[in-house]
Amino acid sequence: HDYSNEKDNEIKQLNDQIKKLQEDYQQLE
């Protein structure tokens, strides 16, 4: 329920990770 089949949650986590990385990249630039 919480990991395997929660694709929306997984996508949200991935998007959060990507957003944070983009912010880090922009800050460094």
PDB file of all heavy atoms in Angstrom:
ATOM      1  N   HIS A   1       0.818  -1.214   0.000  1.00  0.00           N
ATOM      2  CA  HIS A   1       0.000   0.000   0.000  1.00  0.00           C
ATOM      3  C   HIS A   1       0.852   1.263   0.000  1.00  0.00           C
ATOM      4  O   HIS A   1       0.574   2.217  -0.732  1.00  0.00           O
ATOM      5  CB  HIS A   1      -0.921   0.012   1.209  1.00  0.00           C
ATOM      6  CG  HIS A   1      -1.780   1.250   1.294  1.00  0.00           C
ATOM      7  ND1 HIS A   1      -1.390   2.392   1.954  1.00  0.00           N
ATOM      8  CD2 HIS A   1      -3.008   1.513   0.771  1.00  0.00           C
ATOM      9  CE1 HIS A   1      -2.321   3.321   1.833  1.00  0.00           C
ATOM     10  NE2 HIS A   1      -3.322   2.810   1.121  1.00  0.00           N
ATOM     11  N   ASP A   2       1.925   1.258   0.823  1.00  0.00           N
ATOM     12  CA  ASP A   2       2.703   2.476   1.033  1.00  0.00           C
ATOM     13  C   ASP A   2       3.871   2.647   0.066  1.00  0.00           C
ATOM     14  O   ASP A   2       4.354   3.757  -0.130  1.00  0.00           O
ATOM     15  CB  ASP A   2       3.243   2.511   2.461  1.00  0.00           C
ATOM     16  CG  ASP A   2       2.133   2.616   3.499  1.00  0.00           C
ATOM     17  OD1 ASP A   2       1.003   2.968   3.121  1.00  0.00           O
ATOM     18  OD2 ASP A   2       2.390   2.316   4.680  1.00  0.00           O
ATOM     19  N   TYR A   3       4.328   1.542  -0.531  1.00  0.00           N
ATOM     20  CA  TYR A   3       5.498   1.609  -1.400  1.00  0.00           C
ATOM     21  C   TYR A   3       5.246   1.097  -2.808  1.00  0.00           C
ATOM     22  O   TYR A   3       5.379   1.828  -3.792  1.00  0.00           O
ATOM     23  CB  TYR A   3       6.666   0.818  -0.794  1.00  0.00           C
ATOM     24  CG  TYR A   3       7.410   1.555   0.283  1.00  0.00           C
ATOM     25  CD1 TYR A   3       7.051   1.409   1.615  1.00  0.00           C
ATOM     26  CD2 TYR A   3       8.476   2.394  -0.023  1.00  0.00           C
ATOM     27  CE1 TYR A   3       7.737   2.078   2.614  1.00  0.00           C
ATOM     28  CE2 TYR A   3       9.171   3.065   0.965  1.00  0.00           C
ATOM     29  CZ  TYR A   3       8.805   2.915   2.276  1.00  0.00           C
ATOM     30  OH  TYR A   3       9.477   3.583   3.257  1.00  0.00           O
ATOM     31  N   SER A   4       4.880  -0.166  -2.906  1.00  0.00           N
ATOM     32  CA  SER A   4       4.851  -0.821  -4.219  1.00  0.00           C
ATOM     33  C   SER A   4       3.811  -0.276  -5.162  1.00  0.00           C
ATOM     34  O   SER A   4       4.062  -0.075  -6.344  1.00  0.00           O
ATOM     35  CB  SER A   4       4.632  -2.330  -4.054  1.00  0.00           C
ATOM     36  OG  SER A   4       5.521  -2.876  -3.310  1.00  0.00           O
ATOM     37  N   ASN A   5       2.610  -0.060  -4.638  1.00  0.00           N
ATOM     38  CA  ASN A   5       1.504   0.315  -5.509  1.00  0.00           C
ATOM     39  C   ASN A   5       1.158   1.783  -5.454  1.00  0.00           C
ATOM     40  O   ASN A   5       0.235   2.220  -6.130  1.00  0.00           O
ATOM     41  CB  ASN A   5       0.261  -0.521  -5.175  1.00  0.00           C
ATOM     42  CG  ASN A   5       0.392  -1.947  -5.670  1.00  0.00           C
ATOM     43  OD1 ASN A   5       1.235  -2.236  -6.508  1.00  0.00           O
ATOM     44  ND2 ASN A   5      -0.440  -2.837  -5.158  1.00  0.00           N
ATOM     45  N   GLU A   6       1.863   2.519  -4.613  1.00  0.00           N
ATOM     46  CA  GLU A   6       1.567   3.947  -4.507  1.00  0.00           C
ATOM     47  C   GLU A   6       2.389   4.725  -5.530  1.00  0.00           C
ATOM     48  O   GLU A   6       3.331   5.432  -5.206  1.00  0.00           O
ATOM     49  CB  GLU A   6       1.847   4.441  -3.082  1.00  0.00           C
ATOM     50  CG  GLU A   6       0.805   4.014  -2.067  1.00  0.00           C
ATOM     51  CD  GLU A   6      -0.550   4.693  -2.301  1.00  0.00           C
ATOM     52  OE1 GLU A   6      -0.602   5.911  -2.362  1.00  0.00           O
ATOM     53  OE2 GLU A   6      -1.531   3.966  -2.429  1.00  0.00           O
ATOM     54  N   LYS A   7       2.046   4.550  -6.812  1.00  0.00           N
ATOM     55  CA  LYS A   7       2.792   5.213  -7.863  1.00  0.00           C
ATOM     56  C   LYS A   7       2.729   6.732  -7.745  1.00  0.00           C
ATOM     57  O   LYS A   7       3.713   7.430  -8.000  1.00  0.00           O
ATOM     58  CB  LYS A   7       2.259   4.786  -9.237  1.00  0.00           C
ATOM     59  CG  LYS A   7       2.449   3.307  -9.546  1.00  0.00           C
ATOM     60  CD  LYS A   7       3.918   2.937  -9.592  1.00  0.00           C
ATOM     61  CE  LYS A   7       4.085   1.461  -9.958  1.00  0.00           C
ATOM     62  NZ  LYS A   7       5.513   1.065  -9.955  1.00  0.00           N
ATOM     63  N   ASP A   8       1.551   7.239  -7.357  1.00  0.00           N
ATOM     64  CA  ASP A   8       1.419   8.686  -7.214  1.00  0.00           C
ATOM     65  C   ASP A   8       2.372   9.220  -6.145  1.00  0.00           C
ATOM     66  O   ASP A   8       3.000  10.265  -6.314  1.00  0.00           O
ATOM     67  CB  ASP A   8      -0.018   9.060  -6.856  1.00  0.00           C
ATOM     68  CG  ASP A   8      -0.980   8.810  -8.006  1.00  0.00           C
ATOM     69  OD1 ASP A   8      -0.506   8.700  -9.167  1.00  0.00           O
ATOM     70  OD2 ASP A   8      -2.204   8.732  -7.757  1.00  0.00           O
ATOM     71  N   ASN A   9       2.484   8.473  -5.050  1.00  0.00           N
ATOM     72  CA  ASN A   9       3.388   8.873  -3.978  1.00  0.00           C
ATOM     73  C   ASN A   9       4.838   8.804  -4.431  1.00  0.00           C
ATOM     74  O   ASN A   9       5.648   9.680  -4.130  1.00  0.00           O
ATOM     75  CB  ASN A   9       3.169   7.981  -2.750  1.00  0.00           C
ATOM     76  CG  ASN A   9       4.026   8.391  -1.556  1.00  0.00           C
ATOM     77  OD1 ASN A   9       4.007   9.537  -1.138  1.00  0.00           O
ATOM     78  ND2 ASN A   9       4.773   7.447  -1.014  1.00  0.00           N
ATOM     79  N   GLU A  10       5.172   7.742  -5.169  1.00  0.00           N
ATOM     80  CA  GLU A  10       6.524   7.592  -5.688  1.00  0.00           C
ATOM     81  C   GLU A  10       6.874   8.736  -6.636  1.00  0.00           C
ATOM     82  O   GLU A  10       7.964   9.305  -6.579  1.00  0.00           O
ATOM     83  CB  GLU A  10       6.656   6.250  -6.406  1.00  0.00           C
ATOM     84  CG  GLU A  10       8.071   5.976  -6.917  1.00  0.00           C
ATOM     85  CD  GLU A  10       8.154   4.673  -7.681  1.00  0.00           C
ATOM     86  OE1 GLU A  10       7.197   3.902  -7.659  1.00  0.00           O
ATOM     87  OE2 GLU A  10       9.185   4.443  -8.315  1.00  0.00           O
ATOM     88  N   ILE A  11       5.931   9.064  -7.533  1.00  0.00           N
ATOM     89  CA  ILE A  11       6.147  10.157  -8.474  1.00  0.00           C
ATOM     90  C   ILE A  11       6.327  11.481  -7.724  1.00  0.00           C
ATOM     91  O   ILE A  11       7.189  12.291  -8.070  1.00  0.00           O
ATOM     92  CB  ILE A  11       4.978  10.238  -9.473  1.00  0.00           C
ATOM     93  CG1 ILE A  11       5.005   9.008 -10.393  1.00  0.00           C
ATOM     94  CG2 ILE A  11       5.068  11.517 -10.301  1.00  0.00           C
ATOM     95  CD1 ILE A  11       3.769   8.859 -11.250  1.00  0.00           C
ATOM     96  N   LYS A  12       5.507  11.685  -6.685  1.00  0.00           N
ATOM     97  CA  LYS A  12       5.615  12.896  -5.886  1.00  0.00           C
ATOM     98  C   LYS A  12       6.994  12.982  -5.226  1.00  0.00           C
ATOM     99  O   LYS A  12       7.635  14.038  -5.226  1.00  0.00           O
ATOM    100  CB  LYS A  12       4.521  12.943  -4.811  1.00  0.00           C
ATOM    101  CG  LYS A  12       4.569  14.205  -3.946  1.00  0.00           C
ATOM    102  CD  LYS A  12       3.489  14.184  -2.878  1.00  0.00           C
ATOM    103  CE  LYS A  12       3.540  15.447  -2.022  1.00  0.00           C
ATOM    104  NZ  LYS A  12       4.876  15.641  -1.400  1.00  0.00           N
ATOM    105  N   GLN A  13       7.461  11.847  -4.637  1.00  0.00           N
ATOM    106  CA  GLN A  13       8.772  11.834  -4.006  1.00  0.00           C
ATOM    107  C   GLN A  13       9.874  12.145  -5.011  1.00  0.00           C
ATOM    108  O   GLN A  13      10.801  12.905  -4.722  1.00  0.00           O
ATOM    109  CB  GLN A  13       9.016  10.476  -3.350  1.00  0.00           C
ATOM    110  CG  GLN A  13       8.188  10.220  -2.103  1.00  0.00           C
ATOM    111  CD  GLN A  13       8.519   8.891  -1.462  1.00  0.00           C
ATOM    112  OE1 GLN A  13       9.189   8.054  -2.037  1.00  0.00           O
ATOM    113  NE2 GLN A  13       8.045   8.688  -0.251  1.00  0.00           N
ATOM    114  N   LEU A  14       9.767  11.547  -6.192  1.00  0.00           N
ATOM    115  CA  LEU A  14      10.759  11.779  -7.235  1.00  0.00           C
ATOM    116  C   LEU A  14      10.745  13.230  -7.683  1.00  0.00           C
ATOM    117  O   LEU A  14      11.795  13.852  -7.851  1.00  0.00           O
ATOM    118  CB  LEU A  14      10.500  10.850  -8.418  1.00  0.00           C
ATOM    119  CG  LEU A  14      11.541  10.862  -9.554  1.00  0.00           C
ATOM    120  CD1 LEU A  14      12.911  10.482  -9.029  1.00  0.00           C
ATOM    121  CD2 LEU A  14      11.120   9.908 -10.675  1.00  0.00           C
ATOM    122  N   ASN A  15       9.546  13.776  -7.862  1.00  0.00           N
ATOM    123  CA  ASN A  15       9.427  15.183  -8.256  1.00  0.00           C
ATOM    124  C   ASN A  15      10.006  16.114  -7.190  1.00  0.00           C
ATOM    125  O   ASN A  15      10.641  17.121  -7.521  1.00  0.00           O
ATOM    126  CB  ASN A  15       7.969  15.539  -8.537  1.00  0.00           C
ATOM    127  CG  ASN A  15       7.471  14.980  -9.860  1.00  0.00           C
ATOM    128  OD1 ASN A  15       8.257  14.737 -10.772  1.00  0.00           O
ATOM    129  ND2 ASN A  15       6.175  14.776  -9.979  1.00  0.00           N
ATOM    130  N   ASP A  16       9.761  15.779  -5.918  1.00  0.00           N
ATOM    131  CA  ASP A  16      10.325  16.577  -4.823  1.00  0.00           C
ATOM    132  C   ASP A  16      11.849  16.540  -4.877  1.00  0.00           C
ATOM    133  O   ASP A  16      12.524  17.562  -4.677  1.00  0.00           O
ATOM    134  CB  ASP A  16       9.837  16.056  -3.470  1.00  0.00           C
ATOM    135  CG  ASP A  16       8.370  16.349  -3.216  1.00  0.00           C
ATOM    136  OD1 ASP A  16       7.795  17.200  -3.927  1.00  0.00           O
ATOM    137  OD2 ASP A  16       7.785  15.719  -2.306  1.00  0.00           O
ATOM    138  N   GLN A  17      12.397  15.340  -5.135  1.00  0.00           N
ATOM    139  CA  GLN A  17      13.843  15.180  -5.231  1.00  0.00           C
ATOM    140  C   GLN A  17      14.406  15.987  -6.398  1.00  0.00           C
ATOM    141  O   GLN A  17      15.439  16.661  -6.273  1.00  0.00           O
ATOM    142  CB  GLN A  17      14.185  13.697  -5.375  1.00  0.00           C
ATOM    143  CG  GLN A  17      15.657  13.366  -5.209  1.00  0.00           C
ATOM    144  CD  GLN A  17      15.914  11.870  -5.246  1.00  0.00           C
ATOM    145  OE1 GLN A  17      15.019  11.073  -5.480  1.00  0.00           O
ATOM    146  NE2 GLN A  17      17.157  11.471  -5.024  1.00  0.00           N
ATOM    147  N   ILE A  18      13.729  15.906  -7.539  1.00  0.00           N
ATOM    148  CA  ILE A  18      14.162  16.650  -8.730  1.00  0.00           C
ATOM    149  C   ILE A  18      14.105  18.152  -8.483  1.00  0.00           C
ATOM    150  O   ILE A  18      15.026  18.896  -8.839  1.00  0.00           O
ATOM    151  CB  ILE A  18      13.288  16.262  -9.933  1.00  0.00           C
ATOM    152  CG1 ILE A  18      13.593  14.820 -10.350  1.00  0.00           C
ATOM    153  CG2 ILE A  18      13.530  17.211 -11.112  1.00  0.00           C
ATOM    154  CD1 ILE A  18      12.581  14.254 -11.309  1.00  0.00           C
ATOM    155  N   LYS A  19      13.019  18.613  -7.867  1.00  0.00           N
ATOM    156  CA  LYS A  19      12.877  20.036  -7.559  1.00  0.00           C
ATOM    157  C   LYS A  19      14.010  20.519  -6.673  1.00  0.00           C
ATOM    158  O   LYS A  19      14.567  21.593  -6.890  1.00  0.00           O
ATOM    159  CB  LYS A  19      11.521  20.284  -6.883  1.00  0.00           C
ATOM    160  CG  LYS A  19      11.259  21.748  -6.581  1.00  0.00           C
ATOM    161  CD  LYS A  19       9.903  21.933  -5.911  1.00  0.00           C
ATOM    162  CE  LYS A  19       9.660  23.403  -5.564  1.00  0.00           C
ATOM    163  NZ  LYS A  19       8.355  23.590  -4.878  1.00  0.00           N
ATOM    164  N   LYS A  20      14.348  19.706  -5.665  1.00  0.00           N
ATOM    165  CA  LYS A  20      15.428  20.082  -4.756  1.00  0.00           C
ATOM    166  C   LYS A  20      16.762  20.136  -5.496  1.00  0.00           C
ATOM    167  O   LYS A  20      17.570  21.057  -5.284  1.00  0.00           O
ATOM    168  CB  LYS A  20      15.507  19.081  -3.596  1.00  0.00           C
ATOM    169  CG  LYS A  20      16.579  19.463  -2.554  1.00  0.00           C
ATOM    170  CD  LYS A  20      16.147  20.736  -1.846  1.00  0.00           C
ATOM    171  CE  LYS A  20      17.186  21.245  -0.879  1.00  0.00           C
ATOM    172  NZ  LYS A  20      18.384  21.756  -1.546  1.00  0.00           N
ATOM    173  N   LEU A  21      17.008  19.169  -6.364  1.00  0.00           N
ATOM    174  CA  LEU A  21      18.251  19.170  -7.130  1.00  0.00           C
ATOM    175  C   LEU A  21      18.335  20.390  -8.042  1.00  0.00           C
ATOM    176  O   LEU A  21      19.389  21.019  -8.158  1.00  0.00           O
ATOM    177  CB  LEU A  21      18.367  17.893  -7.958  1.00  0.00           C
ATOM    178  CG  LEU A  21      18.930  16.658  -7.249  1.00  0.00           C
ATOM    179  CD1 LEU A  21      18.959  15.479  -8.189  1.00  0.00           C
ATOM    180  CD2 LEU A  21      20.318  16.928  -6.709  1.00  0.00           C
ATOM    181  N   GLN A  22      17.216  20.709  -8.685  1.00  0.00           N
ATOM    182  CA  GLN A  22      17.200  21.894  -9.551  1.00  0.00           C
ATOM    183  C   GLN A  22      17.527  23.149  -8.757  1.00  0.00           C
ATOM    184  O   GLN A  22      18.262  24.018  -9.227  1.00  0.00           O
ATOM    185  CB  GLN A  22      15.838  22.029 -10.235  1.00  0.00           C
ATOM    186  CG  GLN A  22      15.611  21.032 -11.366  1.00  0.00           C
ATOM    187  CD  GLN A  22      14.263  21.252 -12.031  1.00  0.00           C
ATOM    188  OE1 GLN A  22      13.214  21.028 -11.437  1.00  0.00           O
ATOM    189  NE2 GLN A  22      14.279  21.703 -13.262  1.00  0.00           N
ATOM    190  N   GLU A  23      16.962  23.246  -7.564  1.00  0.00           N
ATOM    191  CA  GLU A  23      17.241  24.399  -6.704  1.00  0.00           C
ATOM    192  C   GLU A  23      18.720  24.457  -6.341  1.00  0.00           C
ATOM    193  O   GLU A  23      19.331  25.532  -6.337  1.00  0.00           O
ATOM    194  CB  GLU A  23      16.378  24.331  -5.439  1.00  0.00           C
ATOM    195  CG  GLU A  23      14.896  24.561  -5.683  1.00  0.00           C
ATOM    196  CD  GLU A  23      14.059  24.311  -4.434  1.00  0.00           C
ATOM    197  OE1 GLU A  23      14.632  23.845  -3.414  1.00  0.00           O
ATOM    198  OE2 GLU A  23      12.838  24.574  -4.476  1.00  0.00           O
ATOM    199  N   ASP A  24      19.294  23.261  -6.036  1.00  0.00           N
ATOM    200  CA  ASP A  24      20.718  23.212  -5.712  1.00  0.00           C
ATOM    201  C   ASP A  24      21.571  23.644  -6.911  1.00  0.00           C
ATOM    202  O   ASP A  24      22.529  24.403  -6.762  1.00  0.00           O
ATOM    203  CB  ASP A  24      21.116  21.799  -5.268  1.00  0.00           C
ATOM    204  CG  ASP A  24      20.541  21.415  -3.920  1.00  0.00           C
ATOM    205  OD1 ASP A  24      20.232  22.332  -3.138  1.00  0.00           O
ATOM    206  OD2 ASP A  24      20.377  20.215  -3.653  1.00  0.00           O
ATOM    207  N   TYR A  25      21.209  23.130  -8.075  1.00  0.00           N
ATOM    208  CA  TYR A  25      21.950  23.503  -9.287  1.00  0.00           C
ATOM    209  C   TYR A  25      21.863  25.003  -9.542  1.00  0.00           C
ATOM    210  O   TYR A  25      22.859  25.661  -9.854  1.00  0.00           O
ATOM    211  CB  TYR A  25      21.395  22.760 -10.505  1.00  0.00           C
ATOM    212  CG  TYR A  25      21.603  21.259 -10.500  1.00  0.00           C
ATOM    213  CD1 TYR A  25      20.781  20.427 -11.256  1.00  0.00           C
ATOM    214  CD2 TYR A  25      22.626  20.674  -9.762  1.00  0.00           C
ATOM    215  CE1 TYR A  25      20.970  19.055 -11.282  1.00  0.00           C
ATOM    216  CE2 TYR A  25      22.816  19.302  -9.762  1.00  0.00           C
ATOM    217  CZ  TYR A  25      21.978  18.493 -10.532  1.00  0.00           C
ATOM    218  OH  TYR A  25      22.167  17.140 -10.563  1.00  0.00           O
ATOM    219  N   GLN A  26      20.662  25.567  -9.425  1.00  0.00           N
ATOM    220  CA  GLN A  26      20.472  26.989  -9.666  1.00  0.00           C
ATOM    221  C   GLN A  26      21.235  27.838  -8.658  1.00  0.00           C
ATOM    222  O   GLN A  26      21.813  28.868  -9.004  1.00  0.00           O
ATOM    223  CB  GLN A  26      18.977  27.323  -9.644  1.00  0.00           C
ATOM    224  CG  GLN A  26      18.211  26.770 -10.841  1.00  0.00           C
ATOM    225  CD  GLN A  26      16.716  26.850 -10.679  1.00  0.00           C
ATOM    226  OE1 GLN A  26      16.211  27.288  -9.634  1.00  0.00           O
ATOM    227  NE2 GLN A  26      15.967  26.398 -11.676  1.00  0.00           N
ATOM    228  N   GLN A  27      21.239  27.371  -7.393  1.00  0.00           N
ATOM    229  CA  GLN A  27      21.972  28.086  -6.365  1.00  0.00           C
ATOM    230  C   GLN A  27      23.473  28.093  -6.664  1.00  0.00           C
ATOM    231  O   GLN A  27      24.144  29.120  -6.537  1.00  0.00           O
ATOM    232  CB  GLN A  27      21.718  27.467  -4.992  1.00  0.00           C
ATOM    233  CG  GLN A  27      22.400  28.220  -3.845  1.00  0.00           C
ATOM    234  CD  GLN A  27      22.119  27.601  -2.491  1.00  0.00           C
ATOM    235  OE1 GLN A  27      21.479  26.572  -2.390  1.00  0.00           O
ATOM    236  NE2 GLN A  27      22.599  28.209  -1.429  1.00  0.00           N
ATOM    237  N   LEU A  28      24.000  26.928  -7.064  1.00  0.00           N
ATOM    238  CA  LEU A  28      25.407  26.845  -7.404  1.00  0.00           C
ATOM    239  C   LEU A  28      25.741  27.749  -8.591  1.00  0.00           C
ATOM    240  O   LEU A  28      26.765  28.422  -8.607  1.00  0.00           O
ATOM    241  CB  LEU A  28      25.792  25.401  -7.723  1.00  0.00           C
ATOM    242  CG  LEU A  28      25.897  24.438  -6.532  1.00  0.00           C
ATOM    243  CD1 LEU A  28      26.101  23.016  -7.011  1.00  0.00           C
ATOM    244  CD2 LEU A  28      27.029  24.843  -5.605  1.00  0.00           C
ATOM    245  N   GLU A  29      24.877  27.753  -9.604  1.00  0.00           N
ATOM    246  CA  GLU A  29      25.094  28.593 -10.772  1.00  0.00           C
ATOM    247  C   GLU A  29      25.036  30.075 -10.397  1.00  0.00           C
ATOM    248  O   GLU A  29      25.825  30.884 -10.902  1.00  0.00           O
ATOM    249  CB  GLU A  29      24.058  28.269 -11.844  1.00  0.00           C
ATOM    250  CG  GLU A  29      24.325  28.921 -13.202  1.00  0.00           C
ATOM    251  CD  GLU A  29      25.579  28.415 -13.875  1.00  0.00           C
ATOM    252  OE1 GLU A  29      26.186  27.438 -13.377  1.00  0.00           O
ATOM    253  OE2 GLU A  29      25.979  28.993 -14.891  1.00  0.00           O
TER     254      GLU A  29
END
